C-alpha atoms as a PDB file:
ATOM      1  CA  MET A   1     161.325  88.765  36.787  1.00  0.00           C
ATOM      2  CA  PHE A   2     157.897  90.526  36.735  1.00  0.00           C
ATOM      3  CA  ASP A   3     156.141  90.536  40.026  1.00  0.00           C
ATOM      4  CA  PHE A   4     152.736  89.258  39.582  1.00  0.00           C
ATOM      5  CA  LEU A   5     152.138  89.175  43.432  1.00  0.00           C
ATOM      6  CA  SER A   6     151.290  92.710  43.114  1.00  0.00           C
ATOM      7  CA  PHE A   7     148.085  91.971  41.135  1.00  0.00           C
ATOM      8  CA  TRP A   8     144.946  90.183  42.945  1.00  0.00           C
ATOM      9  CA  SER A   9     146.542  89.283  46.157  1.00  0.00           C
ATOM     10  CA  TRP A  10     143.930  91.165  48.029  1.00  0.00           C
ATOM     11  CA  LYS A  11     142.190  89.518  51.048  1.00  0.00           C
ATOM     12  CA  LYS A  12     138.378  89.228  49.943  1.00  0.00           C
ATOM     13  CA  SER A  13     135.879  90.302  52.484  1.00  0.00           C
ATOM     14  CA  ALA A  14     133.097  88.390  53.981  1.00  0.00           C
ATOM     15  CA  GLN A  15     130.576  89.926  51.769  1.00  0.00           C
ATOM     16  CA  GLN A  16     132.620  89.342  48.510  1.00  0.00           C
ATOM     17  CA  LEU A  17     133.141  85.863  49.309  1.00  0.00           C
ATOM     18  CA  LYS A  18     129.364  85.456  49.726  1.00  0.00           C
ATOM     19  CA  GLN A  19     129.046  86.473  45.982  1.00  0.00           C
ATOM     20  CA  THR A  20     128.800  83.868  43.357  1.00  0.00           C
ATOM     21  CA  LYS A  21     128.989  86.058  40.408  1.00  0.00           C
ATOM     22  CA  PRO A  22     132.608  87.219  40.044  1.00  0.00           C
ATOM     23  CA  ARG A  23     133.494  91.086  39.464  1.00  0.00           C
ATOM     24  CA  ALA A  24     134.857  91.990  36.032  1.00  0.00           C
ATOM     25  CA  PRO A  25     138.628  92.868  36.232  1.00  0.00           C
ATOM     26  CA  SER A  26     139.723  96.287  36.144  1.00  0.00           C
ATOM     27  CA  LYS A  27     141.830  97.531  32.859  1.00  0.00           C
ATOM     28  CA  THR A  28     144.952  97.300  35.270  1.00  0.00           C
ATOM     29  CA  GLU A  29     144.053  93.705  36.307  1.00  0.00           C
ATOM     30  CA  GLN A  30     143.815  92.614  32.701  1.00  0.00           C
ATOM     31  CA  ASP A  31     146.783  94.172  31.475  1.00  0.00           C
ATOM     32  CA  THR A  32     148.880  92.714  34.444  1.00  0.00           C
ATOM     33  CA  PHE A  33     147.457  89.280  33.719  1.00  0.00           C
ATOM     34  CA  ASP A  34     148.093  89.445  30.135  1.00  0.00           C
ATOM     35  CA  LEU A  35     151.697  90.446  31.058  1.00  0.00           C
ATOM     36  CA  TYR A  36     152.089  87.208  33.187  1.00  0.00           C
ATOM     37  CA  VAL A  37     150.570  85.059  30.364  1.00  0.00           C
ATOM     38  CA  ARG A  38     153.439  86.660  27.907  1.00  0.00           C
ATOM     39  CA  GLU A  39     156.374  86.546  30.419  1.00  0.00           C
ATOM     40  CA  GLN A  40     156.032  83.767  33.032  1.00  0.00           C
ATOM     41  CA  LEU A  41     153.493  80.978  31.762  1.00  0.00           C
ATOM     42  CA  PRO A  42     155.691  80.099  28.867  1.00  0.00           C
ATOM     43  CA  ASN A  43     158.223  79.073  31.389  1.00  0.00           C
ATOM     44  CA  LYS A  44     156.115  76.911  33.234  1.00  0.00           C
ATOM     45  CA  PRO A  45     155.705  73.232  32.806  1.00  0.00           C
ATOM     46  CA  VAL A  46     154.048  71.817  29.768  1.00  0.00           C
ATOM     47  CA  LYS A  47     151.194  70.326  31.751  1.00  0.00           C
ATOM     48  CA  PHE A  48     150.389  73.547  33.612  1.00  0.00           C
ATOM     49  CA  GLN A  49     150.241  75.442  30.557  1.00  0.00           C
ATOM     50  CA  GLN A  50     148.004  73.002  29.064  1.00  0.00           C
ATOM     51  CA  LEU A  51     145.297  73.122  31.872  1.00  0.00           C
ATOM     52  CA  PHE A  52     145.757  76.677  32.251  1.00  0.00           C
ATOM     53  CA  ALA A  53     144.577  77.214  28.897  1.00  0.00           C
ATOM     54  CA  ARG A  54     141.627  74.744  28.942  1.00  0.00           C
ATOM     55  CA  ILE A  55     140.437  76.434  32.009  1.00  0.00           C
ATOM     56  CA  GLN A  56     140.684  79.895  30.566  1.00  0.00           C
ATOM     57  CA  ALA A  57     138.944  78.701  27.438  1.00  0.00           C
ATOM     58  CA  LYS A  58     136.188  77.295  29.684  1.00  0.00           C
ATOM     59  CA  ASP A  59     136.287  73.656  28.610  1.00  0.00           C
ATOM     60  CA  ASN A  60     133.302  72.313  30.086  1.00  0.00           C
ATOM     61  CA  SER A  61     134.741  68.638  30.017  1.00  0.00           C
ATOM     62  CA  LEU A  62     137.607  69.791  32.602  1.00  0.00           C
ATOM     63  CA  THR A  63     136.229  69.322  35.965  1.00  0.00           C
ATOM     64  CA  GLU A  64     139.163  68.183  37.857  1.00  0.00           C
ATOM     65  CA  VAL A  65     142.664  69.779  37.812  1.00  0.00           C
ATOM     66  CA  ASN A  66     145.671  68.111  39.334  1.00  0.00           C
ATOM     67  CA  LEU A  67     148.711  70.687  39.502  1.00  0.00           C
ATOM     68  CA  ALA A  68     150.445  68.465  42.532  1.00  0.00           C
ATOM     69  CA  ASN A  69     154.025  68.593  42.654  1.00  0.00           C
ATOM     70  CA  MET A  70     154.735  71.111  39.665  1.00  0.00           C
ATOM     71  CA  GLY A  71     156.917  73.633  41.501  1.00  0.00           C
ATOM     72  CA  ILE A  72     154.143  76.154  41.361  1.00  0.00           C
ATOM     73  CA  GLU A  73     154.657  79.433  42.885  1.00  0.00           C
ATOM     74  CA  ASP A  74     152.255  82.011  44.435  1.00  0.00           C
ATOM     75  CA  SER A  75     152.399  84.202  41.370  1.00  0.00           C
ATOM     76  CA  ASP A  76     151.036  81.011  39.551  1.00  0.00           C
ATOM     77  CA  VAL A  77     148.276  80.430  41.879  1.00  0.00           C
ATOM     78  CA  ILE A  78     147.263  84.086  41.772  1.00  0.00           C
ATOM     79  CA  ALA A  79     146.988  83.690  37.960  1.00  0.00           C
ATOM     80  CA  LEU A  80     145.173  80.420  38.049  1.00  0.00           C
ATOM     81  CA  CYS A  81     142.731  81.693  40.557  1.00  0.00           C
ATOM     82  CA  TYR A  82     142.142  84.703  37.899  1.00  0.00           C
ATOM     83  CA  VAL A  83     141.178  82.382  35.227  1.00  0.00           C
ATOM     84  CA  LEU A  84     139.433  80.132  37.747  1.00  0.00           C
ATOM     85  CA  ASN A  85     137.441  83.017  39.025  1.00  0.00           C
ATOM     86  CA  THR A  86     135.176  82.979  35.895  1.00  0.00           C
ATOM     87  CA  ASN A  87     135.119  79.113  35.265  1.00  0.00           C
ATOM     88  CA  SER A  88     132.140  77.486  36.605  1.00  0.00           C
ATOM     89  CA  TYR A  89     133.123  73.886  35.528  1.00  0.00           C
ATOM     90  CA  VAL A  90     136.194  73.104  37.453  1.00  0.00           C
ATOM     91  CA  THR A  91     134.988  71.879  40.927  1.00  0.00           C
ATOM     92  CA  THR A  92     138.015  69.946  42.304  1.00  0.00           C
ATOM     93  CA  LEU A  93     141.540  71.341  42.420  1.00  0.00           C
ATOM     94  CA  ASP A  94     144.955  69.672  43.714  1.00  0.00           C
ATOM     95  CA  LEU A  95     147.783  71.871  44.407  1.00  0.00           C
ATOM     96  CA  SER A  96     149.550  69.527  46.794  1.00  0.00           C
ATOM     97  CA  ALA A  97     153.329  69.941  47.288  1.00  0.00           C
ATOM     98  CA  ASN A  98     153.859  72.961  45.658  1.00  0.00           C
ATOM     99  CA  GLY A  99     155.555  75.194  48.662  1.00  0.00           C
ATOM    100  CA  LEU A 100     152.345  77.369  48.789  1.00  0.00           C
ATOM    101  CA  GLY A 101     151.474  79.749  51.654  1.00  0.00           C
ATOM    102  CA  LEU A 102     149.355  82.715  52.598  1.00  0.00           C
ATOM    103  CA  LYS A 103     149.470  84.633  49.230  1.00  0.00           C
ATOM    104  CA  SER A 104     148.266  81.389  47.472  1.00  0.00           C
ATOM    105  CA  THR A 105     145.246  80.820  50.046  1.00  0.00           C
ATOM    106  CA  ARG A 106     144.145  84.457  49.915  1.00  0.00           C
ATOM    107  CA  VAL A 107     143.113  83.909  46.723  1.00  0.00           C
ATOM    108  CA  LEU A 108     142.056  80.198  46.671  1.00  0.00           C
ATOM    109  CA  ALA A 109     139.602  81.097  49.580  1.00  0.00           C
ATOM    110  CA  GLY A 110     137.693  83.526  47.173  1.00  0.00           C
ATOM    111  CA  LEU A 111     136.956  80.902  44.691  1.00  0.00           C
ATOM    112  CA  SER A 112     133.007  80.273  44.595  1.00  0.00           C
ATOM    113  CA  HIS A 113     133.004  77.151  42.371  1.00  0.00           C
ATOM    114  CA  ILE A 114     135.799  74.971  43.986  1.00  0.00           C
ATOM    115  CA  THR A 115     134.246  72.461  46.277  1.00  0.00           C
ATOM    116  CA  SER A 116     137.234  70.145  46.822  1.00  0.00           C
ATOM    117  CA  LEU A 117     140.630  71.090  47.424  1.00  0.00           C
ATOM    118  CA  CYS A 118     144.091  69.562  48.122  1.00  0.00           C
ATOM    119  CA  ILE A 119     146.610  71.605  49.290  1.00  0.00           C
ATOM    120  CA  LYS A 120     148.488  68.541  51.201  1.00  0.00           C
ATOM    121  CA  THR A 121     152.270  68.851  51.855  1.00  0.00           C
ATOM    122  CA  ASN A 122     152.611  72.422  51.636  1.00  0.00           C
ATOM    123  CA  PRO A 123     154.338  73.198  55.055  1.00  0.00           C
ATOM    124  CA  ASN A 124     154.352  76.785  54.861  1.00  0.00           C
ATOM    125  CA  ILE A 125     150.320  76.511  55.123  1.00  0.00           C
ATOM    126  CA  ASP A 126     149.945  77.349  59.006  1.00  0.00           C
ATOM    127  CA  ASP A 127     147.191  78.866  60.849  1.00  0.00           C
ATOM    128  CA  SER A 128     147.477  82.197  59.424  1.00  0.00           C
ATOM    129  CA  ALA A 129     147.325  80.877  55.819  1.00  0.00           C
ATOM    130  CA  ILE A 130     144.063  79.157  56.761  1.00  0.00           C
ATOM    131  CA  GLU A 131     142.431  82.337  58.078  1.00  0.00           C
ATOM    132  CA  PRO A 132     141.332  83.272  54.495  1.00  0.00           C
ATOM    133  CA  PHE A 133     139.153  80.344  54.528  1.00  0.00           C
ATOM    134  CA  ARG A 134     137.068  81.422  57.527  1.00  0.00           C
ATOM    135  CA  HIS A 135     134.336  83.090  55.107  1.00  0.00           C
ATOM    136  CA  ASN A 136     134.480  80.562  52.072  1.00  0.00           C
ATOM    137  CA  GLN A 137     130.917  78.904  51.869  1.00  0.00           C
ATOM    138  CA  ALA A 138     131.678  76.796  48.691  1.00  0.00           C
ATOM    139  CA  LEU A 139     134.215  74.196  50.012  1.00  0.00           C
ATOM    140  CA  GLN A 140     133.041  70.751  50.984  1.00  0.00           C
ATOM    141  CA  HIS A 141     136.147  68.670  50.944  1.00  0.00           C
ATOM    142  CA  LEU A 142     139.795  69.762  52.076  1.00  0.00           C
ATOM    143  CA  ASN A 143     142.829  67.825  52.212  1.00  0.00           C
ATOM    144  CA  ALA A 144     145.360  69.552  54.342  1.00  0.00           C
ATOM    145  CA  SER A 145     147.309  66.954  55.394  1.00  0.00           C
ATOM    146  CA  TYR A 146     151.256  67.305  56.198  1.00  0.00           C
ATOM    147  CA  CYS A 147     151.046  70.940  56.469  1.00  0.00           C
ATOM    148  CA  SER A 148     151.688  73.191  59.715  1.00  0.00           C
ATOM    149  CA  ILE A 149     148.029  73.820  60.962  1.00  0.00           C
ATOM    150  CA  ALA A 150     147.536  73.935  64.736  1.00  0.00           C
ATOM    151  CA  ASP A 151     144.713  74.949  67.080  1.00  0.00           C
ATOM    152  CA  GLU A 152     143.821  78.251  65.743  1.00  0.00           C
ATOM    153  CA  GLY A 153     143.730  76.798  62.266  1.00  0.00           C
ATOM    154  CA  ALA A 154     141.691  73.797  63.251  1.00  0.00           C
ATOM    155  CA  LYS A 155     139.231  76.736  64.831  1.00  0.00           C
ATOM    156  CA  THR A 156     138.980  78.747  61.439  1.00  0.00           C
ATOM    157  CA  LEU A 157     138.119  75.577  59.480  1.00  0.00           C
ATOM    158  CA  THR A 158     135.078  74.826  61.826  1.00  0.00           C
ATOM    159  CA  GLU A 159     133.391  78.308  60.608  1.00  0.00           C
ATOM    160  CA  THR A 160     133.392  76.812  57.039  1.00  0.00           C
ATOM    161  CA  HIS A 161     130.849  74.476  55.330  1.00  0.00           C
ATOM    162  CA  ILE A 162     133.531  71.598  55.024  1.00  0.00           C
ATOM    163  CA  SER A 163     132.036  68.009  55.653  1.00  0.00           C
ATOM    164  CA  LYS A 164     135.150  66.124  54.892  1.00  0.00           C
ATOM    165  CA  LEU A 165     138.470  67.280  56.421  1.00  0.00           C
ATOM    166  CA  ASN A 166     141.998  65.784  56.230  1.00  0.00           C
ATOM    167  CA  LEU A 167     144.433  67.176  58.862  1.00  0.00           C
ATOM    168  CA  CYS A 168     146.712  64.292  59.157  1.00  0.00           C
ATOM    169  CA  ALA A 169     150.266  65.077  60.260  1.00  0.00           C
ATOM    170  CA  ASN A 170     149.680  68.590  61.316  1.00  0.00           C
ATOM    171  CA  ASN A 171     149.946  70.228  64.914  1.00  0.00           C
ATOM    172  CA  VAL A 172     146.392  69.832  66.074  1.00  0.00           C
ATOM    173  CA  GLY A 173     146.228  69.570  70.052  1.00  0.00           C
ATOM    174  CA  ASN A 174     143.412  68.967  72.299  1.00  0.00           C
ATOM    175  CA  LEU A 175     142.230  72.497  72.280  1.00  0.00           C
ATOM    176  CA  GLY A 176     141.911  72.266  68.279  1.00  0.00           C
ATOM    177  CA  VAL A 177     140.200  68.628  68.700  1.00  0.00           C
ATOM    178  CA  SER A 178     137.603  70.567  71.107  1.00  0.00           C
ATOM    179  CA  TYR A 179     136.592  72.770  68.198  1.00  0.00           C
ATOM    180  CA  LEU A 180     136.465  70.145  65.481  1.00  0.00           C
ATOM    181  CA  ALA A 181     134.471  67.917  67.822  1.00  0.00           C
ATOM    182  CA  LYS A 182     131.522  70.744  67.923  1.00  0.00           C
ATOM    183  CA  ASP A 183     131.447  71.370  64.236  1.00  0.00           C
ATOM    184  CA  LYS A 184     128.012  69.791  63.264  1.00  0.00           C
ATOM    185  CA  ARG A 185     128.916  69.809  59.318  1.00  0.00           C
ATOM    186  CA  LEU A 186     131.842  67.348  59.813  1.00  0.00           C
ATOM    187  CA  LEU A 187     131.045  63.925  58.509  1.00  0.00           C
ATOM    188  CA  LYS A 188     134.547  62.725  57.992  1.00  0.00           C
ATOM    189  CA  LEU A 189     137.783  63.568  59.752  1.00  0.00           C
ATOM    190  CA  ASP A 190     141.264  62.538  59.781  1.00  0.00           C
ATOM    191  CA  LEU A 191     143.423  63.716  62.604  1.00  0.00           C
ATOM    192  CA  SER A 192     146.062  60.956  62.251  1.00  0.00           C
ATOM    193  CA  ALA A 193     149.392  61.928  63.259  1.00  0.00           C
ATOM    194  CA  ASN A 194     148.949  65.037  65.179  1.00  0.00           C
ATOM    195  CA  ASP A 195     149.311  66.434  68.832  1.00  0.00           C
ATOM    196  CA  MET A 196     146.727  65.015  70.958  1.00  0.00           C
ATOM    197  CA  ASP A 197     146.067  62.379  73.636  1.00  0.00           C
ATOM    198  CA  ASP A 198     143.287  61.242  75.657  1.00  0.00           C
ATOM    199  CA  ASN A 199     141.904  64.290  76.867  1.00  0.00           C
ATOM    200  CA  GLY A 200     141.279  65.486  73.351  1.00  0.00           C
ATOM    201  CA  ILE A 201     139.246  62.715  72.220  1.00  0.00           C
ATOM    202  CA  ALA A 202     137.018  63.201  75.378  1.00  0.00           C
ATOM    203  CA  HIS A 203     135.436  66.153  73.393  1.00  0.00           C
ATOM    204  CA  PHE A 204     134.061  63.574  70.833  1.00  0.00           C
ATOM    205  CA  GLU A 205     131.831  61.939  73.564  1.00  0.00           C
ATOM    206  CA  ASN A 206     128.024  61.770  72.164  1.00  0.00           C
ATOM    207  CA  ASN A 207     128.999  63.124  68.848  1.00  0.00           C
ATOM    208  CA  SER A 208     126.046  63.035  66.572  1.00  0.00           C
ATOM    209  CA  ASN A 209     127.315  63.663  63.280  1.00  0.00           C
ATOM    210  CA  LEU A 210     130.734  62.177  62.431  1.00  0.00           C
ATOM    211  CA  GLU A 211     130.570  58.960  60.366  1.00  0.00           C
ATOM    212  CA  GLU A 212     134.256  58.589  59.875  1.00  0.00           C
ATOM    213  CA  LEU A 213     136.845  59.403  62.120  1.00  0.00           C
ATOM    214  CA  ARG A 214     140.770  58.384  61.811  1.00  0.00           C
ATOM    215  CA  LEU A 215     142.996  58.908  64.592  1.00  0.00           C
ATOM    216  CA  GLU A 216     146.064  56.724  63.397  1.00  0.00           C
ATOM    217  CA  ARG A 217     149.579  57.639  65.281  1.00  0.00           C
ATOM    218  CA  ASN A 218     148.456  59.607  68.343  1.00  0.00           C
ATOM    219  CA  ARG A 219     148.780  58.912  71.875  1.00  0.00           C
ATOM    220  CA  LEU A 220     145.812  57.415  72.620  1.00  0.00           C
ATOM    221  CA  SER A 221     144.829  54.656  75.232  1.00  0.00           C
ATOM    222  CA  ASP A 222     142.118  52.117  76.560  1.00  0.00           C
ATOM    223  CA  ASN A 223     140.561  55.074  78.335  1.00  0.00           C
ATOM    224  CA  THR A 224     139.308  56.534  75.003  1.00  0.00           C
ATOM    225  CA  ALA A 225     137.544  53.435  73.916  1.00  0.00           C
ATOM    226  CA  SER A 226     134.265  54.078  75.532  1.00  0.00           C
ATOM    227  CA  ILE A 227     133.974  57.456  74.062  1.00  0.00           C
ATOM    228  CA  PHE A 228     133.642  55.913  70.359  1.00  0.00           C
ATOM    229  CA  ASN A 229     130.776  53.759  71.464  1.00  0.00           C
ATOM    230  CA  THR A 230     128.943  56.790  72.177  1.00  0.00           C
ATOM    231  CA  MET A 231     129.046  58.577  68.829  1.00  0.00           C
ATOM    232  CA  LYS A 232     125.743  57.804  67.116  1.00  0.00           C
ATOM    233  CA  LYS A 233     126.624  57.663  63.594  1.00  0.00           C
ATOM    234  CA  LEU A 234     130.104  56.409  63.649  1.00  0.00           C
ATOM    235  CA  LYS A 235     130.842  53.865  60.891  1.00  0.00           C
ATOM    236  CA  VAL A 236     134.553  54.031  60.057  1.00  0.00           C
ATOM    237  CA  LEU A 237     137.312  54.116  62.980  1.00  0.00           C
ATOM    238  CA  GLN A 238     140.861  54.098  62.553  1.00  0.00           C
ATOM    239  CA  LEU A 239     143.210  53.838  65.656  1.00  0.00           C
ATOM    240  CA  GLY A 240     146.216  52.254  64.209  1.00  0.00           C
ATOM    241  CA  ALA A 241     149.387  52.841  65.965  1.00  0.00           C
ATOM    242  CA  ASN A 242     148.299  53.786  69.340  1.00  0.00           C
ATOM    243  CA  LEU A 243     148.290  52.139  72.861  1.00  0.00           C
ATOM    244  CA  TYR A 244     145.327  49.998  73.015  1.00  0.00           C
ATOM    245  CA  THR A 245     145.344  46.684  74.569  1.00  0.00           C
ATOM    246  CA  CYS A 246     142.969  43.972  75.263  1.00  0.00           C
ATOM    247  CA  GLN A 247     141.036  46.314  77.492  1.00  0.00           C
ATOM    248  CA  GLY A 248     140.195  48.666  74.893  1.00  0.00           C
ATOM    249  CA  ALA A 249     139.281  45.975  72.483  1.00  0.00           C
ATOM    250  CA  LYS A 250     136.914  44.588  75.005  1.00  0.00           C
ATOM    251  CA  THR A 251     135.155  47.994  75.051  1.00  0.00           C
ATOM    252  CA  LEU A 252     135.272  48.672  71.280  1.00  0.00           C
ATOM    253  CA  ALA A 253     133.465  45.018  70.971  1.00  0.00           C
ATOM    254  CA  LYS A 254     130.444  46.302  72.545  1.00  0.00           C
ATOM    255  CA  THR A 255     129.888  48.822  69.471  1.00  0.00           C
ATOM    256  CA  THR A 256     126.699  48.903  67.709  1.00  0.00           C
ATOM    257  CA  THR A 257     127.537  51.324  64.930  1.00  0.00           C
ATOM    258  CA  ILE A 258     131.199  50.682  63.894  1.00  0.00           C
ATOM    259  CA  GLU A 259     131.280  48.598  60.711  1.00  0.00           C
ATOM    260  CA  ILE A 260     135.031  49.132  59.585  1.00  0.00           C
ATOM    261  CA  CYS A 261     137.877  49.200  62.475  1.00  0.00           C
ATOM    262  CA  ASP A 262     141.477  49.477  62.149  1.00  0.00           C
ATOM    263  CA  LEU A 263     143.622  48.819  65.403  1.00  0.00           C
ATOM    264  CA  SER A 264     146.855  47.737  63.911  1.00  0.00           C
ATOM    265  CA  SER A 265     149.784  47.994  65.368  1.00  0.00           C
ATOM    266  CA  ASN A 266     148.636  48.150  68.925  1.00  0.00           C
ATOM    267  CA  ARG A 267     148.871  45.527  71.759  1.00  0.00           C
ATOM    268  CA  ILE A 268     145.216  43.618  72.121  1.00  0.00           C
ATOM    269  CA  GLY A 269     146.802  40.282  71.834  1.00  0.00           C
ATOM    270  CA  ASP A 270     144.565  37.007  71.768  1.00  0.00           C
ATOM    271  CA  GLN A 271     141.905  37.899  74.208  1.00  0.00           C
ATOM    272  CA  GLY A 272     141.269  41.292  72.488  1.00  0.00           C
ATOM    273  CA  ALA A 273     140.872  39.785  69.226  1.00  0.00           C
ATOM    274  CA  MET A 274     138.615  36.950  70.129  1.00  0.00           C
ATOM    275  CA  MET A 275     136.418  39.746  71.777  1.00  0.00           C
ATOM    276  CA  LEU A 276     136.188  41.469  68.578  1.00  0.00           C
ATOM    277  CA  ALA A 277     135.655  38.450  66.545  1.00  0.00           C
ATOM    278  CA  ASP A 278     132.402  38.010  68.504  1.00  0.00           C
ATOM    279  CA  ASN A 279     130.873  41.421  67.643  1.00  0.00           C
ATOM    280  CA  LYS A 280     128.343  40.924  64.555  1.00  0.00           C
ATOM    281  CA  VAL A 281     128.584  44.374  63.607  1.00  0.00           C
ATOM    282  CA  PHE A 282     131.861  44.540  62.233  1.00  0.00           C
ATOM    283  CA  SER A 283     132.333  44.097  58.503  1.00  0.00           C
ATOM    284  CA  GLU A 284     135.914  45.009  58.252  1.00  0.00           C
ATOM    285  CA  LEU A 285     138.888  44.621  60.783  1.00  0.00           C
ATOM    286  CA  ASP A 286     142.523  45.382  60.440  1.00  0.00           C
ATOM    287  CA  LEU A 287     144.482  43.627  63.308  1.00  0.00           C
ATOM    288  CA  GLU A 288     147.943  43.586  62.056  1.00  0.00           C
ATOM    289  CA  LEU A 289     150.847  43.678  64.339  1.00  0.00           C
ATOM    290  CA  ASN A 290     149.019  42.964  67.521  1.00  0.00           C
ATOM    291  CA  ASN A 291     150.591  39.962  68.987  1.00  0.00           C
ATOM    292  CA  ILE A 292     147.727  37.554  67.826  1.00  0.00           C
ATOM    293  CA  THR A 293     148.498  33.566  67.742  1.00  0.00           C
ATOM    294  CA  VAL A 294     146.796  31.075  65.982  1.00  0.00           C
ATOM    295  CA  GLU A 295     144.289  30.591  69.132  1.00  0.00           C
ATOM    296  CA  SER A 296     142.277  33.418  67.697  1.00  0.00           C
ATOM    297  CA  LEU A 297     141.812  31.935  64.122  1.00  0.00           C
ATOM    298  CA  ALA A 298     138.826  29.885  65.115  1.00  0.00           C
ATOM    299  CA  ALA A 299     136.707  32.847  66.349  1.00  0.00           C
ATOM    300  CA  PHE A 300     137.038  34.789  63.147  1.00  0.00           C
ATOM    301  CA  GLN A 301     136.351  31.655  60.898  1.00  0.00           C
ATOM    302  CA  SER A 302     132.995  31.300  62.744  1.00  0.00           C
ATOM    303  CA  ASN A 303     132.092  35.207  62.313  1.00  0.00           C
ATOM    304  CA  SER A 304     129.679  35.249  59.384  1.00  0.00           C
ATOM    305  CA  THR A 305     129.324  38.892  59.185  1.00  0.00           C
ATOM    306  CA  LEU A 306     133.247  39.677  58.784  1.00  0.00           C
ATOM    307  CA  LYS A 307     133.765  40.289  55.074  1.00  0.00           C
ATOM    308  CA  SER A 308     137.338  41.124  55.725  1.00  0.00           C
ATOM    309  CA  VAL A 309     139.891  40.536  58.521  1.00  0.00           C
ATOM    310  CA  LYS A 310     143.562  41.494  58.346  1.00  0.00           C
ATOM    311  CA  LEU A 311     145.734  39.181  60.562  1.00  0.00           C
ATOM    312  CA  SER A 312     149.032  39.316  58.754  1.00  0.00           C
ATOM    313  CA  ARG A 313     152.235  40.284  60.777  1.00  0.00           C
ATOM    314  CA  ASN A 314     151.139  38.539  63.825  1.00  0.00           C
ATOM    315  CA  LEU A 315     152.313  35.477  65.541  1.00  0.00           C
ATOM    316  CA  ILE A 316     150.804  33.168  63.025  1.00  0.00           C
ATOM    317  CA  ASP A 317     151.845  31.269  60.365  1.00  0.00           C
ATOM    318  CA  GLU A 318     150.948  33.193  57.012  1.00  0.00           C
ATOM    319  CA  SER A 319     150.114  29.982  55.204  1.00  0.00           C
ATOM    320  CA  LEU A 320     147.155  29.681  57.609  1.00  0.00           C
ATOM    321  CA  LEU A 321     145.719  32.828  56.790  1.00  0.00           C
ATOM    322  CA  ALA A 322     145.293  32.105  53.002  1.00  0.00           C
ATOM    323  CA  PRO A 323     141.735  30.729  53.484  1.00  0.00           C
ATOM    324  CA  MET A 324     140.751  34.018  55.133  1.00  0.00           C
ATOM    325  CA  ASP A 325     140.420  37.332  53.434  1.00  0.00           C
ATOM    326  CA  THR A 326     143.867  39.127  53.927  1.00  0.00           C
ATOM    327  CA  ALA A 327     144.201  41.061  50.789  1.00  0.00           C
ATOM    328  CA  ARG A 328     142.798  44.146  51.897  1.00  0.00           C
ATOM    329  CA  THR A 329     145.240  47.090  52.096  1.00  0.00           C
ATOM    330  CA  ALA A 330     145.903  49.997  54.617  1.00  0.00           C
ATOM    331  CA  PHE A 331     142.690  52.221  54.695  1.00  0.00           C
ATOM    332  CA  PRO A 332     142.983  54.970  51.944  1.00  0.00           C
ATOM    333  CA  PRO A 333     143.360  58.611  53.459  1.00  0.00           C
ATOM    334  CA  ILE A 334     140.358  60.775  53.336  1.00  0.00           C
ATOM    335  CA  PRO A 335     140.231  62.265  49.748  1.00  0.00           C
ATOM    336  CA  GLY A 336     140.439  65.970  49.345  1.00  0.00           C
END
């Protein structure tokens, strides 16, 4: 099979990445691309071929391209970026679950029109594969969940202009958290299911930019609860499946900024639940799986500011929850 990887698999310099006008392809590059179109493209999924053609034709109605789970290889991504490089209409690209790695990210990082990129569930994307994004100034939203990014990759991403970052289910530890906590551009951050503990969360103290923080499935305890109350703009906080008890709930109940809070799958009990119910800032609470009993119901029913409270899968007869708003599902992930 023809090896398209010999073409355009360069690593752009910082100066090239700053340019908004793409350079014209050389004759060799154009010939190589034409050969890919003749020999490899016809063997790809029909949807890929159709979207490829629309991108190449600069269809101005096509602004979002979803190529998730199509078995795309590095050579396909390089060809795709070749046509995207001259298309200013496509701004959102989803390449999740395609087995991508460094050869793909080298060219993806050079795209100047893509502002939202999803590369989740590509386990070959590690710190070295994230490195090419260091000088990218276009990307605003990145979903790189379920990859293999660790502390150095997190550090690299702080040098970008990304404001919404999803690194759920990676290998980011306390050091990586320290880098991300200092990134003033970040507004929404998902670090669920990583490798941090209380020491990592301490770096968020007095953070003045984050509006949304998701830390589900880490090893966090009551000691971190006071940190979140110092975050000046924090509105959404997800702490499901950690180690919080009634003491952590008592501290979080003092918040003056957090409106949406997920403490599901912790151990706050009735005492913690009732203290949270007394807070008039919360509009949505998820308290599933917390050993809460019927004794807490009255406190929630008397709170007029709560628009949604989720208490199912506790020690309460489900029929008693019917009058309350329990339809809300789990928090959606940060979109990439």
